[in-house]
Amino acid sequence: MHEISLVRNIFRTLQDEFPDRIDKVRRVQLKAGLLSNVQPILMQNAWEAVLADEPLYAGIELEVKVLPILIHCEPCNLTNEVENYRFVCACGKPSRHVVQGDELLISEVEFED
């Protein structure tokens, strides 16, 4: 289950970025594109497993926002949402230019007052 290593990396990043405030973190929001191969329920389960092993992180909530796949079509200069994993613009031309959907980002960190 690669989600456990992802969660551990998220906490490592939080430790690196906020070494003096890690005990004040209350909520972490992730943005996960559909192509990132991250399932929100599996991330939540992995999050809970890591929290059980690491008392320092107790009480930190996780929110995962799933982002759709967006492609940009050069010929018509439009950005379209991919449906059913068909990378075809509304104009009918295929596109490999993904502008959203493959990311996995920590988008927000909320701290205790």
PDB file of N, CA and C in Angstrom:
ATOM      1  N   MET A   1       0.844  -1.178   0.000  1.00  0.00           N
ATOM      2  CA  MET A   1       0.000   0.000   0.000  1.00  0.00           C
ATOM      3  C   MET A   1       0.890   1.243   0.000  1.00  0.00           C
ATOM      4  N   HIS A   2       0.993   1.916  -1.122  1.00  0.00           N
ATOM      5  CA  HIS A   2       1.877   3.071  -1.224  1.00  0.00           C
ATOM      6  C   HIS A   2       1.365   4.288  -0.473  1.00  0.00           C
ATOM      7  N   GLU A   3       0.124   4.262  -0.025  1.00  0.00           N
ATOM      8  CA  GLU A   3      -0.438   5.394   0.706  1.00  0.00           C
ATOM      9  C   GLU A   3       0.271   5.620   2.033  1.00  0.00           C
ATOM     10  N   ILE A   4       0.709   4.546   2.700  1.00  0.00           N
ATOM     11  CA  ILE A   4       1.435   4.695   3.971  1.00  0.00           C
ATOM     12  C   ILE A   4       2.706   5.509   3.745  1.00  0.00           C
ATOM     13  N   SER A   5       3.458   5.187   2.702  1.00  0.00           N
ATOM     14  CA  SER A   5       4.691   5.948   2.447  1.00  0.00           C
ATOM     15  C   SER A   5       4.370   7.382   2.041  1.00  0.00           C
ATOM     16  N   LEU A   6       3.268   7.590   1.322  1.00  0.00           N
ATOM     17  CA  LEU A   6       2.863   8.956   0.984  1.00  0.00           C
ATOM     18  C   LEU A   6       2.541   9.753   2.244  1.00  0.00           C
ATOM     19  N   VAL A   7       1.799   9.144   3.152  1.00  0.00           N
ATOM     20  CA  VAL A   7       1.442   9.833   4.400  1.00  0.00           C
ATOM     21  C   VAL A   7       2.697  10.133   5.217  1.00  0.00           C
ATOM     22  N   ARG A   8       3.591   9.185   5.297  1.00  0.00           N
ATOM     23  CA  ARG A   8       4.845   9.430   6.037  1.00  0.00           C
ATOM     24  C   ARG A   8       5.632  10.578   5.390  1.00  0.00           C
ATOM     25  N   ASN A   9       5.638  10.637   4.072  1.00  0.00           N
ATOM     26  CA  ASN A   9       6.314  11.747   3.385  1.00  0.00           C
ATOM     27  C   ASN A   9       5.624  13.083   3.659  1.00  0.00           C
ATOM     28  N   ILE A  10       4.294  13.076   3.762  1.00  0.00           N
ATOM     29  CA  ILE A  10       3.573  14.304   4.086  1.00  0.00           C
ATOM     30  C   ILE A  10       3.989  14.798   5.469  1.00  0.00           C
ATOM     31  N   PHE A  11       4.042  13.887   6.432  1.00  0.00           N
ATOM     32  CA  PHE A  11       4.448  14.289   7.777  1.00  0.00           C
ATOM     33  C   PHE A  11       5.910  14.727   7.821  1.00  0.00           C
ATOM     34  N   ARG A  12       6.757  14.101   7.030  1.00  0.00           N
ATOM     35  CA  ARG A  12       8.158  14.513   6.949  1.00  0.00           C
ATOM     36  C   ARG A  12       8.253  15.940   6.389  1.00  0.00           C
ATOM     37  N   THR A  13       7.442  16.219   5.384  1.00  0.00           N
ATOM     38  CA  THR A  13       7.413  17.569   4.802  1.00  0.00           C
ATOM     39  C   THR A  13       6.930  18.583   5.831  1.00  0.00           C
ATOM     40  N   LEU A  14       5.878  18.244   6.574  1.00  0.00           N
ATOM     41  CA  LEU A  14       5.381  19.143   7.615  1.00  0.00           C
ATOM     42  C   LEU A  14       6.447  19.385   8.679  1.00  0.00           C
ATOM     43  N   GLN A  15       7.148  18.331   9.053  1.00  0.00           N
ATOM     44  CA  GLN A  15       8.236  18.474  10.038  1.00  0.00           C
ATOM     45  C   GLN A  15       9.329  19.403   9.514  1.00  0.00           C
ATOM     46  N   ASP A  16       9.679  19.245   8.238  1.00  0.00           N
ATOM     47  CA  ASP A  16      10.723  20.078   7.637  1.00  0.00           C
ATOM     48  C   ASP A  16      10.294  21.539   7.524  1.00  0.00           C
ATOM     49  N   GLU A  17       9.045  21.763   7.145  1.00  0.00           N
ATOM     50  CA  GLU A  17       8.555  23.125   6.920  1.00  0.00           C
ATOM     51  C   GLU A  17       8.156  23.858   8.200  1.00  0.00           C
ATOM     52  N   PHE A  18       7.659  23.109   9.175  1.00  0.00           N
ATOM     53  CA  PHE A  18       7.158  23.719  10.410  1.00  0.00           C
ATOM     54  C   PHE A  18       7.721  23.016  11.645  1.00  0.00           C
ATOM     55  N   PRO A  19       9.055  22.979  11.788  1.00  0.00           N
ATOM     56  CA  PRO A  19       9.642  22.206  12.887  1.00  0.00           C
ATOM     57  C   PRO A  19       9.216  22.677  14.280  1.00  0.00           C
ATOM     58  N   ASP A  20       8.982  23.971  14.435  1.00  0.00           N
ATOM     59  CA  ASP A  20       8.608  24.502  15.747  1.00  0.00           C
ATOM     60  C   ASP A  20       7.101  24.558  15.961  1.00  0.00           C
ATOM     61  N   ARG A  21       6.337  24.219  14.938  1.00  0.00           N
ATOM     62  CA  ARG A  21       4.877  24.337  15.035  1.00  0.00           C
ATOM     63  C   ARG A  21       4.142  23.044  14.707  1.00  0.00           C
ATOM     64  N   ILE A  22       4.854  21.951  14.547  1.00  0.00           N
ATOM     65  CA  ILE A  22       4.205  20.698  14.156  1.00  0.00           C
ATOM     66  C   ILE A  22       3.129  20.292  15.164  1.00  0.00           C
ATOM     67  N   ASP A  23       3.324  20.622  16.429  1.00  0.00           N
ATOM     68  CA  ASP A  23       2.335  20.271  17.456  1.00  0.00           C
ATOM     69  C   ASP A  23       1.094  21.164  17.394  1.00  0.00           C
ATOM     70  N   LYS A  24       1.122  22.204  16.576  1.00  0.00           N
ATOM     71  CA  LYS A  24      -0.015  23.118  16.417  1.00  0.00           C
ATOM     72  C   LYS A  24      -0.833  22.826  15.155  1.00  0.00           C
ATOM     73  N   VAL A  25      -0.363  21.904  14.324  1.00  0.00           N
ATOM     74  CA  VAL A  25      -1.094  21.570  13.095  1.00  0.00           C
ATOM     75  C   VAL A  25      -2.382  20.844  13.467  1.00  0.00           C
ATOM     76  N   ARG A  26      -3.500  21.294  12.904  1.00  0.00           N
ATOM     77  CA  ARG A  26      -4.795  20.677  13.182  1.00  0.00           C
ATOM     78  C   ARG A  26      -5.431  20.028  11.961  1.00  0.00           C
ATOM     79  N   ARG A  27      -5.119  20.545  10.772  1.00  0.00           N
ATOM     80  CA  ARG A  27      -5.747  19.996   9.567  1.00  0.00           C
ATOM     81  C   ARG A  27      -4.800  20.168   8.395  1.00  0.00           C
ATOM     82  N   VAL A  28      -4.777  19.155   7.550  1.00  0.00           N
ATOM     83  CA  VAL A  28      -3.982  19.188   6.320  1.00  0.00           C
ATOM     84  C   VAL A  28      -4.921  18.887   5.168  1.00  0.00           C
ATOM     85  N   GLN A  29      -4.853  19.725   4.146  1.00  0.00           N
ATOM     86  CA  GLN A  29      -5.649  19.489   2.948  1.00  0.00           C
ATOM     87  C   GLN A  29      -4.713  19.109   1.809  1.00  0.00           C
ATOM     88  N   LEU A  30      -5.072  18.036   1.125  1.00  0.00           N
ATOM     89  CA  LEU A  30      -4.333  17.596  -0.052  1.00  0.00           C
ATOM     90  C   LEU A  30      -5.193  17.814  -1.285  1.00  0.00           C
ATOM     91  N   LYS A  31      -4.536  18.115  -2.388  1.00  0.00           N
ATOM     92  CA  LYS A  31      -5.191  18.110  -3.686  1.00  0.00           C
ATOM     93  C   LYS A  31      -4.580  16.953  -4.459  1.00  0.00           C
ATOM     94  N   ALA A  32      -5.436  16.035  -4.862  1.00  0.00           N
ATOM     95  CA  ALA A  32      -4.977  14.839  -5.569  1.00  0.00           C
ATOM     96  C   ALA A  32      -5.692  14.752  -6.911  1.00  0.00           C
ATOM     97  N   GLY A  33      -4.919  14.814  -7.971  1.00  0.00           N
ATOM     98  CA  GLY A  33      -5.491  14.660  -9.299  1.00  0.00           C
ATOM     99  C   GLY A  33      -5.864  13.213  -9.561  1.00  0.00           C
ATOM    100  N   LEU A  34      -6.838  13.023 -10.434  1.00  0.00           N
ATOM    101  CA  LEU A  34      -7.283  11.659 -10.753  1.00  0.00           C
ATOM    102  C   LEU A  34      -6.160  10.782 -11.298  1.00  0.00           C
ATOM    103  N   LEU A  35      -5.169  11.384 -11.942  1.00  0.00           N
ATOM    104  CA  LEU A  35      -4.065  10.602 -12.496  1.00  0.00           C
ATOM    105  C   LEU A  35      -2.973  10.306 -11.464  1.00  0.00           C
ATOM    106  N   SER A  36      -3.090  10.844 -10.259  1.00  0.00           N
ATOM    107  CA  SER A  36      -2.058  10.642  -9.234  1.00  0.00           C
ATOM    108  C   SER A  36      -2.119   9.246  -8.619  1.00  0.00           C
ATOM    109  N   ASN A  37      -3.155   8.502  -8.948  1.00  0.00           N
ATOM    110  CA  ASN A  37      -3.319   7.136  -8.442  1.00  0.00           C
ATOM    111  C   ASN A  37      -3.469   7.111  -6.917  1.00  0.00           C
ATOM    112  N   VAL A  38      -4.117   8.149  -6.376  1.00  0.00           N
ATOM    113  CA  VAL A  38      -4.376   8.230  -4.943  1.00  0.00           C
ATOM    114  C   VAL A  38      -5.882   8.150  -4.720  1.00  0.00           C
ATOM    115  N   GLN A  39      -6.284   7.193  -3.917  1.00  0.00           N
ATOM    116  CA  GLN A  39      -7.688   7.021  -3.567  1.00  0.00           C
ATOM    117  C   GLN A  39      -7.921   7.669  -2.205  1.00  0.00           C
ATOM    118  N   PRO A  40      -8.858   8.624  -2.110  1.00  0.00           N
ATOM    119  CA  PRO A  40      -9.080   9.314  -0.836  1.00  0.00           C
ATOM    120  C   PRO A  40      -9.339   8.381   0.357  1.00  0.00           C
ATOM    121  N   ILE A  41     -10.120   7.338   0.190  1.00  0.00           N
ATOM    122  CA  ILE A  41     -10.416   6.443   1.307  1.00  0.00           C
ATOM    123  C   ILE A  41      -9.163   5.687   1.749  1.00  0.00           C
ATOM    124  N   LEU A  42      -8.316   5.318   0.800  1.00  0.00           N
ATOM    125  CA  LEU A  42      -7.071   4.638   1.154  1.00  0.00           C
ATOM    126  C   LEU A  42      -6.097   5.590   1.833  1.00  0.00           C
ATOM    127  N   MET A  43      -6.083   6.847   1.397  1.00  0.00           N
ATOM    128  CA  MET A  43      -5.246   7.855   2.061  1.00  0.00           C
ATOM    129  C   MET A  43      -5.732   8.078   3.487  1.00  0.00           C
ATOM    130  N   GLN A  44      -7.043   8.138   3.670  1.00  0.00           N
ATOM    131  CA  GLN A  44      -7.599   8.339   5.010  1.00  0.00           C
ATOM    132  C   GLN A  44      -7.244   7.166   5.919  1.00  0.00           C
ATOM    133  N   ASN A  45      -7.340   5.952   5.398  1.00  0.00           N
ATOM    134  CA  ASN A  45      -6.974   4.773   6.184  1.00  0.00           C
ATOM    135  C   ASN A  45      -5.493   4.779   6.546  1.00  0.00           C
ATOM    136  N   ALA A  46      -4.650   5.139   5.594  1.00  0.00           N
ATOM    137  CA  ALA A  46      -3.211   5.220   5.851  1.00  0.00           C
ATOM    138  C   ALA A  46      -2.919   6.322   6.864  1.00  0.00           C
ATOM    139  N   TRP A  47      -3.625   7.443   6.738  1.00  0.00           N
ATOM    140  CA  TRP A  47      -3.465   8.567   7.673  1.00  0.00           C
ATOM    141  C   TRP A  47      -3.751   8.085   9.106  1.00  0.00           C
ATOM    142  N   GLU A  48      -4.861   7.391   9.269  1.00  0.00           N
ATOM    143  CA  GLU A  48      -5.245   6.899  10.596  1.00  0.00           C
ATOM    144  C   GLU A  48      -4.212   5.899  11.129  1.00  0.00           C
ATOM    145  N   ALA A  49      -3.668   5.072  10.265  1.00  0.00           N
ATOM    146  CA  ALA A  49      -2.660   4.092  10.685  1.00  0.00           C
ATOM    147  C   ALA A  49      -1.394   4.790  11.165  1.00  0.00           C
ATOM    148  N   VAL A  50      -0.967   5.824  10.450  1.00  0.00           N
ATOM    149  CA  VAL A  50       0.239   6.565  10.856  1.00  0.00           C
ATOM    150  C   VAL A  50      -0.031   7.313  12.159  1.00  0.00           C
ATOM    151  N   LEU A  51      -1.213   7.918  12.295  1.00  0.00           N
ATOM    152  CA  LEU A  51      -1.554   8.617  13.532  1.00  0.00           C
ATOM    153  C   LEU A  51      -1.510   7.672  14.731  1.00  0.00           C
ATOM    154  N   ALA A  52      -1.939   6.434  14.544  1.00  0.00           N
ATOM    155  CA  ALA A  52      -1.924   5.458  15.633  1.00  0.00           C
ATOM    156  C   ALA A  52      -0.497   5.142  16.082  1.00  0.00           C
ATOM    157  N   ASP A  53       0.459   5.205  15.141  1.00  0.00           N
ATOM    158  CA  ASP A  53       1.870   4.921  15.446  1.00  0.00           C
ATOM    159  C   ASP A  53       2.644   6.138  15.931  1.00  0.00           C
ATOM    160  N   GLU A  54       2.165   7.320  15.628  1.00  0.00           N
ATOM    161  CA  GLU A  54       2.910   8.549  15.915  1.00  0.00           C
ATOM    162  C   GLU A  54       2.079   9.478  16.804  1.00  0.00           C
ATOM    163  N   PRO A  55       2.227   9.418  18.122  1.00  0.00           N
ATOM    164  CA  PRO A  55       1.431  10.257  19.018  1.00  0.00           C
ATOM    165  C   PRO A  55       1.619  11.758  18.776  1.00  0.00           C
ATOM    166  N   LEU A  56       2.753  12.160  18.245  1.00  0.00           N
ATOM    167  CA  LEU A  56       3.002  13.574  17.960  1.00  0.00           C
ATOM    168  C   LEU A  56       1.961  14.152  17.002  1.00  0.00           C
ATOM    169  N   TYR A  57       1.439  13.314  16.116  1.00  0.00           N
ATOM    170  CA  TYR A  57       0.500  13.780  15.094  1.00  0.00           C
ATOM    171  C   TYR A  57      -0.966  13.589  15.477  1.00  0.00           C
ATOM    172  N   ALA A  58      -1.224  13.112  16.685  1.00  0.00           N
ATOM    173  CA  ALA A  58      -2.603  12.840  17.107  1.00  0.00           C
ATOM    174  C   ALA A  58      -3.471  14.081  16.946  1.00  0.00           C
ATOM    175  N   GLY A  59      -4.650  13.876  16.420  1.00  0.00           N
ATOM    176  CA  GLY A  59      -5.604  14.972  16.282  1.00  0.00           C
ATOM    177  C   GLY A  59      -5.524  15.747  14.988  1.00  0.00           C
ATOM    178  N   ILE A  60      -4.539  15.460  14.146  1.00  0.00           N
ATOM    179  CA  ILE A  60      -4.444  16.167  12.866  1.00  0.00           C
ATOM    180  C   ILE A  60      -5.410  15.523  11.882  1.00  0.00           C
ATOM    181  N   GLU A  61      -6.266  16.328  11.316  1.00  0.00           N
ATOM    182  CA  GLU A  61      -7.263  15.841  10.360  1.00  0.00           C
ATOM    183  C   GLU A  61      -6.718  15.921   8.938  1.00  0.00           C
ATOM    184  N   LEU A  62      -7.225  15.052   8.099  1.00  0.00           N
ATOM    185  CA  LEU A  62      -6.865  15.038   6.685  1.00  0.00           C
ATOM    186  C   LEU A  62      -8.103  15.296   5.848  1.00  0.00           C
ATOM    187  N   GLU A  63      -7.949  16.150   4.855  1.00  0.00           N
ATOM    188  CA  GLU A  63      -9.000  16.370   3.857  1.00  0.00           C
ATOM    189  C   GLU A  63      -8.351  16.178   2.489  1.00  0.00           C
ATOM    190  N   VAL A  64      -8.963  15.352   1.661  1.00  0.00           N
ATOM    191  CA  VAL A  64      -8.440  15.115   0.314  1.00  0.00           C
ATOM    192  C   VAL A  64      -9.451  15.642  -0.696  1.00  0.00           C
ATOM    193  N   LYS A  65      -9.002  16.587  -1.513  1.00  0.00           N
ATOM    194  CA  LYS A  65      -9.833  17.096  -2.601  1.00  0.00           C
ATOM    195  C   LYS A  65      -9.339  16.462  -3.891  1.00  0.00           C
ATOM    196  N   VAL A  66     -10.234  15.805  -4.588  1.00  0.00           N
ATOM    197  CA  VAL A  66      -9.883  15.145  -5.846  1.00  0.00           C
ATOM    198  C   VAL A  66     -10.107  16.138  -6.987  1.00  0.00           C
ATOM    199  N   LEU A  67      -9.081  16.305  -7.792  1.00  0.00           N
ATOM    200  CA  LEU A  67      -9.148  17.222  -8.923  1.00  0.00           C
ATOM    201  C   LEU A  67      -9.371  16.455 -10.226  1.00  0.00           C
ATOM    202  N   PRO A  68     -10.229  16.974 -11.081  1.00  0.00           N
ATOM    203  CA  PRO A  68     -10.451  16.319 -12.374  1.00  0.00           C
ATOM    204  C   PRO A  68      -9.233  16.491 -13.281  1.00  0.00           C
ATOM    205  N   ILE A  69      -9.220  15.719 -14.335  1.00  0.00           N
ATOM    206  CA  ILE A  69      -8.158  15.832 -15.345  1.00  0.00           C
ATOM    207  C   ILE A  69      -8.576  16.909 -16.338  1.00  0.00           C
ATOM    208  N   LEU A  70      -7.697  17.873 -16.540  1.00  0.00           N
ATOM    209  CA  LEU A  70      -7.923  18.920 -17.537  1.00  0.00           C
ATOM    210  C   LEU A  70      -6.829  18.838 -18.586  1.00  0.00           C
ATOM    211  N   ILE A  71      -7.226  18.973 -19.830  1.00  0.00           N
ATOM    212  CA  ILE A  71      -6.265  18.997 -20.943  1.00  0.00           C
ATOM    213  C   ILE A  71      -6.415  20.314 -21.692  1.00  0.00           C
ATOM    214  N   HIS A  72      -5.331  20.708 -22.327  1.00  0.00           N
ATOM    215  CA  HIS A  72      -5.372  21.911 -23.163  1.00  0.00           C
ATOM    216  C   HIS A  72      -5.190  21.487 -24.621  1.00  0.00           C
ATOM    217  N   CYS A  73      -6.058  22.011 -25.448  1.00  0.00           N
ATOM    218  CA  CYS A  73      -6.010  21.710 -26.879  1.00  0.00           C
ATOM    219  C   CYS A  73      -5.335  22.875 -27.591  1.00  0.00           C
ATOM    220  N   GLU A  74      -4.197  22.606 -28.208  1.00  0.00           N
ATOM    221  CA  GLU A  74      -3.455  23.656 -28.926  1.00  0.00           C
ATOM    222  C   GLU A  74      -4.228  24.202 -30.130  1.00  0.00           C
ATOM    223  N   PRO A  75      -4.809  23.343 -30.976  1.00  0.00           N
ATOM    224  CA  PRO A  75      -5.476  23.870 -32.174  1.00  0.00           C
ATOM    225  C   PRO A  75      -6.613  24.860 -31.875  1.00  0.00           C
ATOM    226  N   CYS A  76      -7.428  24.572 -30.859  1.00  0.00           N
ATOM    227  CA  CYS A  76      -8.559  25.475 -30.589  1.00  0.00           C
ATOM    228  C   CYS A  76      -8.341  26.337 -29.341  1.00  0.00           C
ATOM    229  N   ASN A  77      -7.191  26.146 -28.660  1.00  0.00           N
ATOM    230  CA  ASN A  77      -6.816  26.927 -27.486  1.00  0.00           C
ATOM    231  C   ASN A  77      -7.867  26.858 -26.368  1.00  0.00           C
ATOM    232  N   LEU A  78      -8.438  25.680 -26.157  1.00  0.00           N
ATOM    233  CA  LEU A  78      -9.413  25.475 -25.090  1.00  0.00           C
ATOM    234  C   LEU A  78      -8.868  24.480 -24.075  1.00  0.00           C
ATOM    235  N   THR A  79      -9.326  24.639 -22.842  1.00  0.00           N
ATOM    236  CA  THR A  79      -9.024  23.677 -21.788  1.00  0.00           C
ATOM    237  C   THR A  79     -10.315  22.939 -21.472  1.00  0.00           C
ATOM    238  N   ASN A  80     -10.242  21.612 -21.498  1.00  0.00           N
ATOM    239  CA  ASN A  80     -11.419  20.770 -21.303  1.00  0.00           C
ATOM    240  C   ASN A  80     -11.169  19.735 -20.224  1.00  0.00           C
ATOM    241  N   GLU A  81     -12.251  19.337 -19.555  1.00  0.00           N
ATOM    242  CA  GLU A  81     -12.174  18.256 -18.585  1.00  0.00           C
ATOM    243  C   GLU A  81     -12.244  16.921 -19.324  1.00  0.00           C
ATOM    244  N   VAL A  82     -11.381  16.004 -18.926  1.00  0.00           N
ATOM    245  CA  VAL A  82     -11.353  14.671 -19.518  1.00  0.00           C
ATOM    246  C   VAL A  82     -12.471  13.840 -18.895  1.00  0.00           C
ATOM    247  N   GLU A  83     -13.222  13.176 -19.735  1.00  0.00           N
ATOM    248  CA  GLU A  83     -14.282  12.292 -19.259  1.00  0.00           C
ATOM    249  C   GLU A  83     -13.979  10.875 -19.715  1.00  0.00           C
ATOM    250  N   ASN A  84     -14.156   9.927 -18.798  1.00  0.00           N
ATOM    251  CA  ASN A  84     -13.924   8.504 -19.086  1.00  0.00           C
ATOM    252  C   ASN A  84     -12.521   8.245 -19.607  1.00  0.00           C
ATOM    253  N   TYR A  85     -11.573   9.030 -19.148  1.00  0.00           N
ATOM    254  CA  TYR A  85     -10.165   8.888 -19.523  1.00  0.00           C
ATOM    255  C   TYR A  85      -9.934   8.975 -21.026  1.00  0.00           C
ATOM    256  N   ARG A  86     -10.794   9.725 -21.705  1.00  0.00           N
ATOM    257  CA  ARG A  86     -10.627   9.988 -23.137  1.00  0.00           C
ATOM    258  C   ARG A  86     -10.024  11.371 -23.275  1.00  0.00           C
ATOM    259  N   PHE A  87      -8.787  11.433 -23.687  1.00  0.00           N
ATOM    260  CA  PHE A  87      -8.043  12.678 -23.795  1.00  0.00           C
ATOM    261  C   PHE A  87      -8.316  13.341 -25.142  1.00  0.00           C
ATOM    262  N   VAL A  88      -9.572  13.710 -25.334  1.00  0.00           N
ATOM    263  CA  VAL A  88     -10.033  14.301 -26.586  1.00  0.00           C
ATOM    264  C   VAL A  88     -10.735  15.616 -26.254  1.00  0.00           C
ATOM    265  N   CYS A  89     -10.378  16.654 -26.969  1.00  0.00           N
ATOM    266  CA  CYS A  89     -10.978  17.975 -26.798  1.00  0.00           C
ATOM    267  C   CYS A  89     -12.423  17.964 -27.306  1.00  0.00           C
ATOM    268  N   ALA A  90     -13.172  18.973 -26.885  1.00  0.00           N
ATOM    269  CA  ALA A  90     -14.547  19.126 -27.375  1.00  0.00           C
ATOM    270  C   ALA A  90     -14.573  19.301 -28.889  1.00  0.00           C
ATOM    271  N   CYS A  91     -13.474  19.786 -29.479  1.00  0.00           N
ATOM    272  CA  CYS A  91     -13.408  19.955 -30.935  1.00  0.00           C
ATOM    273  C   CYS A  91     -13.164  18.632 -31.658  1.00  0.00           C
ATOM    274  N   GLY A  92     -12.873  17.564 -30.891  1.00  0.00           N
ATOM    275  CA  GLY A  92     -12.669  16.245 -31.484  1.00  0.00           C
ATOM    276  C   GLY A  92     -11.214  15.852 -31.656  1.00  0.00           C
ATOM    277  N   LYS A  93     -10.295  16.758 -31.412  1.00  0.00           N
ATOM    278  CA  LYS A  93      -8.864  16.447 -31.566  1.00  0.00           C
ATOM    279  C   LYS A  93      -8.294  15.900 -30.252  1.00  0.00           C
ATOM    280  N   PRO A  94      -7.429  14.883 -30.351  1.00  0.00           N
ATOM    281  CA  PRO A  94      -6.795  14.358 -29.134  1.00  0.00           C
ATOM    282  C   PRO A  94      -5.761  15.348 -28.589  1.00  0.00           C
ATOM    283  N   SER A  95      -5.537  15.263 -27.278  1.00  0.00           N
ATOM    284  CA  SER A  95      -4.533  16.128 -26.655  1.00  0.00           C
ATOM    285  C   SER A  95      -3.803  15.359 -25.559  1.00  0.00           C
ATOM    286  N   ARG A  96      -2.500  15.540 -25.505  1.00  0.00           N
ATOM    287  CA  ARG A  96      -1.687  14.939 -24.447  1.00  0.00           C
ATOM    288  C   ARG A  96      -1.206  15.988 -23.450  1.00  0.00           C
ATOM    289  N   HIS A  97      -1.653  17.219 -23.610  1.00  0.00           N
ATOM    290  CA  HIS A  97      -1.194  18.318 -22.765  1.00  0.00           C
ATOM    291  C   HIS A  97      -2.074  18.412 -21.507  1.00  0.00           C
ATOM    292  N   VAL A  98      -1.681  17.678 -20.466  1.00  0.00           N
ATOM    293  CA  VAL A  98      -2.425  17.664 -19.199  1.00  0.00           C
ATOM    294  C   VAL A  98      -2.035  18.902 -18.403  1.00  0.00           C
ATOM    295  N   VAL A  99      -3.027  19.706 -18.033  1.00  0.00           N
ATOM    296  CA  VAL A  99      -2.762  20.911 -17.237  1.00  0.00           C
ATOM    297  C   VAL A  99      -3.191  20.733 -15.780  1.00  0.00           C
ATOM    298  N   GLN A 100      -3.959  19.709 -15.508  1.00  0.00           N
ATOM    299  CA  GLN A 100      -4.357  19.387 -14.139  1.00  0.00           C
ATOM    300  C   GLN A 100      -4.781  17.931 -14.097  1.00  0.00           C
ATOM    301  N   GLY A 101      -4.469  17.304 -12.958  1.00  0.00           N
ATOM    302  CA  GLY A 101      -4.949  15.942 -12.777  1.00  0.00           C
ATOM    303  C   GLY A 101      -3.890  14.943 -12.378  1.00  0.00           C
ATOM    304  N   ASP A 102      -2.602  15.330 -12.453  1.00  0.00           N
ATOM    305  CA  ASP A 102      -1.556  14.389 -12.079  1.00  0.00           C
ATOM    306  C   ASP A 102      -0.835  14.798 -10.794  1.00  0.00           C
ATOM    307  N   GLU A 103      -1.332  15.853 -10.129  1.00  0.00           N
ATOM    308  CA  GLU A 103      -0.653  16.382  -8.954  1.00  0.00           C
ATOM    309  C   GLU A 103      -1.089  15.694  -7.660  1.00  0.00           C
ATOM    310  N   LEU A 104      -0.216  15.777  -6.682  1.00  0.00           N
ATOM    311  CA  LEU A 104      -0.511  15.420  -5.304  1.00  0.00           C
ATOM    312  C   LEU A 104       0.187  16.482  -4.469  1.00  0.00           C
ATOM    313  N   LEU A 105      -0.598  17.422  -3.943  1.00  0.00           N
ATOM    314  CA  LEU A 105      -0.039  18.590  -3.274  1.00  0.00           C
ATOM    315  C   LEU A 105      -0.624  18.786  -1.895  1.00  0.00           C
ATOM    316  N   ILE A 106       0.190  19.261  -0.983  1.00  0.00           N
ATOM    317  CA  ILE A 106      -0.327  19.772   0.279  1.00  0.00           C
ATOM    318  C   ILE A 106      -0.793  21.184  -0.048  1.00  0.00           C
ATOM    319  N   SER A 107      -2.100  21.408  -0.049  1.00  0.00           N
ATOM    320  CA  SER A 107      -2.614  22.709  -0.475  1.00  0.00           C
ATOM    321  C   SER A 107      -2.909  23.638   0.691  1.00  0.00           C
ATOM    322  N   GLU A 108      -3.182  23.101   1.863  1.00  0.00           N
ATOM    323  CA  GLU A 108      -3.454  23.919   3.044  1.00  0.00           C
ATOM    324  C   GLU A 108      -2.988  23.207   4.293  1.00  0.00           C
ATOM    325  N   VAL A 109      -2.475  24.005   5.219  1.00  0.00           N
ATOM    326  CA  VAL A 109      -2.138  23.509   6.550  1.00  0.00           C
ATOM    327  C   VAL A 109      -2.789  24.480   7.522  1.00  0.00           C
ATOM    328  N   GLU A 110      -3.643  23.947   8.359  1.00  0.00           N
ATOM    329  CA  GLU A 110      -4.356  24.775   9.337  1.00  0.00           C
ATOM    330  C   GLU A 110      -3.739  24.536  10.714  1.00  0.00           C
ATOM    331  N   PHE A 111      -3.495  25.649  11.429  1.00  0.00           N
ATOM    332  CA  PHE A 111      -2.873  25.584  12.743  1.00  0.00           C
ATOM    333  C   PHE A 111      -3.873  25.958  13.833  1.00  0.00           C
ATOM    334  N   GLU A 112      -3.609  25.467  15.018  1.00  0.00           N
ATOM    335  CA  GLU A 112      -4.360  25.839  16.205  1.00  0.00           C
ATOM    336  C   GLU A 112      -4.093  27.312  16.484  1.00  0.00           C
ATOM    337  N   ASP A 113      -5.091  28.012  16.994  1.00  0.00           N
ATOM    338  CA  ASP A 113      -4.915  29.441  17.313  1.00  0.00           C
ATOM    339  C   ASP A 113      -3.910  29.671  18.401  1.00  0.00           C
TER     340      ASP A 113
END
